[in-house]
Amino acid sequence: MSAANLVGLILAVLIALLLAAALVFPERF
């Protein structure tokens, strides 16, 4: 796995966590 693939994977996970948090805690966003 290349560095670019790793960075993209990490960004995808962070975005997924943000979306999940926005759904679980809508009053904080």
PDB file of N, CA and C in Angstrom:
ATOM      1  N   MET A   1       0.853  -1.199   0.000  1.00  0.00           N
ATOM      2  CA  MET A   1       0.000   0.000   0.000  1.00  0.00           C
ATOM      3  C   MET A   1       0.886   1.245   0.000  1.00  0.00           C
ATOM      4  N   SER A   2       0.565   2.187  -0.864  1.00  0.00           N
ATOM      5  CA  SER A   2       1.378   3.406  -0.965  1.00  0.00           C
ATOM      6  C   SER A   2       0.931   4.445   0.064  1.00  0.00           C
ATOM      7  N   ALA A   3       1.748   5.478   0.226  1.00  0.00           N
ATOM      8  CA  ALA A   3       1.426   6.524   1.196  1.00  0.00           C
ATOM      9  C   ALA A   3       0.136   7.245   0.811  1.00  0.00           C
ATOM     10  N   ALA A   4      -0.066   7.476  -0.491  1.00  0.00           N
ATOM     11  CA  ALA A   4      -1.275   8.177  -0.938  1.00  0.00           C
ATOM     12  C   ALA A   4      -2.518   7.349  -0.602  1.00  0.00           C
ATOM     13  N   ASN A   5      -2.432   6.042  -0.805  1.00  0.00           N
ATOM     14  CA  ASN A   5      -3.576   5.188  -0.476  1.00  0.00           C
ATOM     15  C   ASN A   5      -3.855   5.232   1.020  1.00  0.00           C
ATOM     16  N   LEU A   6      -2.797   5.240   1.825  1.00  0.00           N
ATOM     17  CA  LEU A   6      -2.970   5.265   3.278  1.00  0.00           C
ATOM     18  C   LEU A   6      -3.618   6.571   3.718  1.00  0.00           C
ATOM     19  N   VAL A   7      -3.163   7.688   3.157  1.00  0.00           N
ATOM     20  CA  VAL A   7      -3.746   8.991   3.506  1.00  0.00           C
ATOM     21  C   VAL A   7      -5.216   9.040   3.099  1.00  0.00           C
ATOM     22  N   GLY A   8      -5.532   8.544   1.920  1.00  0.00           N
ATOM     23  CA  GLY A   8      -6.921   8.531   1.463  1.00  0.00           C
ATOM     24  C   GLY A   8      -7.796   7.679   2.365  1.00  0.00           C
ATOM     25  N   LEU A   9      -7.256   6.549   2.804  1.00  0.00           N
ATOM     26  CA  LEU A   9      -8.013   5.663   3.691  1.00  0.00           C
ATOM     27  C   LEU A   9      -8.282   6.347   5.026  1.00  0.00           C
ATOM     28  N   ILE A  10      -7.266   7.013   5.564  1.00  0.00           N
ATOM     29  CA  ILE A  10      -7.434   7.712   6.842  1.00  0.00           C
ATOM     30  C   ILE A  10      -8.467   8.833   6.706  1.00  0.00           C
ATOM     31  N   LEU A  11      -8.402   9.592   5.611  1.00  0.00           N
ATOM     32  CA  LEU A  11      -9.373  10.674   5.399  1.00  0.00           C
ATOM     33  C   LEU A  11     -10.788  10.114   5.288  1.00  0.00           C
ATOM     34  N   ALA A  12     -10.944   8.999   4.592  1.00  0.00           N
ATOM     35  CA  ALA A  12     -12.267   8.391   4.439  1.00  0.00           C
ATOM     36  C   ALA A  12     -12.814   7.965   5.799  1.00  0.00           C
ATOM     37  N   VAL A  13     -11.951   7.409   6.645  1.00  0.00           N
ATOM     38  CA  VAL A  13     -12.394   6.977   7.975  1.00  0.00           C
ATOM     39  C   VAL A  13     -12.783   8.187   8.824  1.00  0.00           C
ATOM     40  N   LEU A  14     -11.988   9.251   8.766  1.00  0.00           N
ATOM     41  CA  LEU A  14     -12.308  10.450   9.550  1.00  0.00           C
ATOM     42  C   LEU A  14     -13.633  11.061   9.109  1.00  0.00           C
ATOM     43  N   ILE A  15     -13.865  11.122   7.798  1.00  0.00           N
ATOM     44  CA  ILE A  15     -15.124  11.679   7.287  1.00  0.00           C
ATOM     45  C   ILE A  15     -16.300  10.806   7.722  1.00  0.00           C
ATOM     46  N   ALA A  16     -16.128   9.487   7.673  1.00  0.00           N
ATOM     47  CA  ALA A  16     -17.196   8.581   8.101  1.00  0.00           C
ATOM     48  C   ALA A  16     -17.495   8.788   9.583  1.00  0.00           C
ATOM     49  N   LEU A  17     -16.458   8.977  10.397  1.00  0.00           N
ATOM     50  CA  LEU A  17     -16.676   9.207  11.829  1.00  0.00           C
ATOM     51  C   LEU A  17     -17.406  10.529  12.050  1.00  0.00           C
ATOM     52  N   LEU A  18     -17.045  11.574  11.302  1.00  0.00           N
ATOM     53  CA  LEU A  18     -17.726  12.862  11.439  1.00  0.00           C
ATOM     54  C   LEU A  18     -19.202  12.742  11.071  1.00  0.00           C
ATOM     55  N   LEU A  19     -19.492  12.025   9.983  1.00  0.00           N
ATOM     56  CA  LEU A  19     -20.889  11.856   9.568  1.00  0.00           C
ATOM     57  C   LEU A  19     -21.661  11.060  10.612  1.00  0.00           C
ATOM     58  N   ALA A  20     -21.056  10.025  11.161  1.00  0.00           N
ATOM     59  CA  ALA A  20     -21.721   9.218  12.187  1.00  0.00           C
ATOM     60  C   ALA A  20     -21.972  10.067  13.431  1.00  0.00           C
ATOM     61  N   ALA A  21     -20.990  10.886  13.822  1.00  0.00           N
ATOM     62  CA  ALA A  21     -21.159  11.743  14.999  1.00  0.00           C
ATOM     63  C   ALA A  21     -22.268  12.764  14.758  1.00  0.00           C
ATOM     64  N   ALA A  22     -22.349  13.310  13.550  1.00  0.00           N
ATOM     65  CA  ALA A  22     -23.392  14.290  13.239  1.00  0.00           C
ATOM     66  C   ALA A  22     -24.779  13.650  13.321  1.00  0.00           C
ATOM     67  N   LEU A  23     -24.864  12.373  12.965  1.00  0.00           N
ATOM     68  CA  LEU A  23     -26.157  11.686  13.042  1.00  0.00           C
ATOM     69  C   LEU A  23     -26.516  11.343  14.485  1.00  0.00           C
ATOM     70  N   VAL A  24     -25.511  10.967  15.283  1.00  0.00           N
ATOM     71  CA  VAL A  24     -25.776  10.559  16.666  1.00  0.00           C
ATOM     72  C   VAL A  24     -25.978  11.765  17.575  1.00  0.00           C
ATOM     73  N   PHE A  25     -25.195  12.844  17.326  1.00  0.00           N
ATOM     74  CA  PHE A  25     -25.284  14.041  18.165  1.00  0.00           C
ATOM     75  C   PHE A  25     -25.639  15.265  17.314  1.00  0.00           C
ATOM     76  N   PRO A  26     -26.856  15.336  16.766  1.00  0.00           N
ATOM     77  CA  PRO A  26     -27.215  16.449  15.866  1.00  0.00           C
ATOM     78  C   PRO A  26     -27.199  17.806  16.561  1.00  0.00           C
ATOM     79  N   GLU A  27     -27.379  17.835  17.879  1.00  0.00           N
ATOM     80  CA  GLU A  27     -27.436  19.127  18.563  1.00  0.00           C
ATOM     81  C   GLU A  27     -26.059  19.782  18.676  1.00  0.00           C
ATOM     82  N   ARG A  28     -24.995  19.043  18.409  1.00  0.00           N
ATOM     83  CA  ARG A  28     -23.647  19.618  18.528  1.00  0.00           C
ATOM     84  C   ARG A  28     -23.165  20.226  17.217  1.00  0.00           C
ATOM     85  N   PHE A  29     -23.903  20.063  16.128  1.00  0.00           N
ATOM     86  CA  PHE A  29     -23.424  20.532  14.827  1.00  0.00           C
ATOM     87  C   PHE A  29     -24.338  21.622  14.266  1.00  0.00           C
TER      88      PHE A  29
END
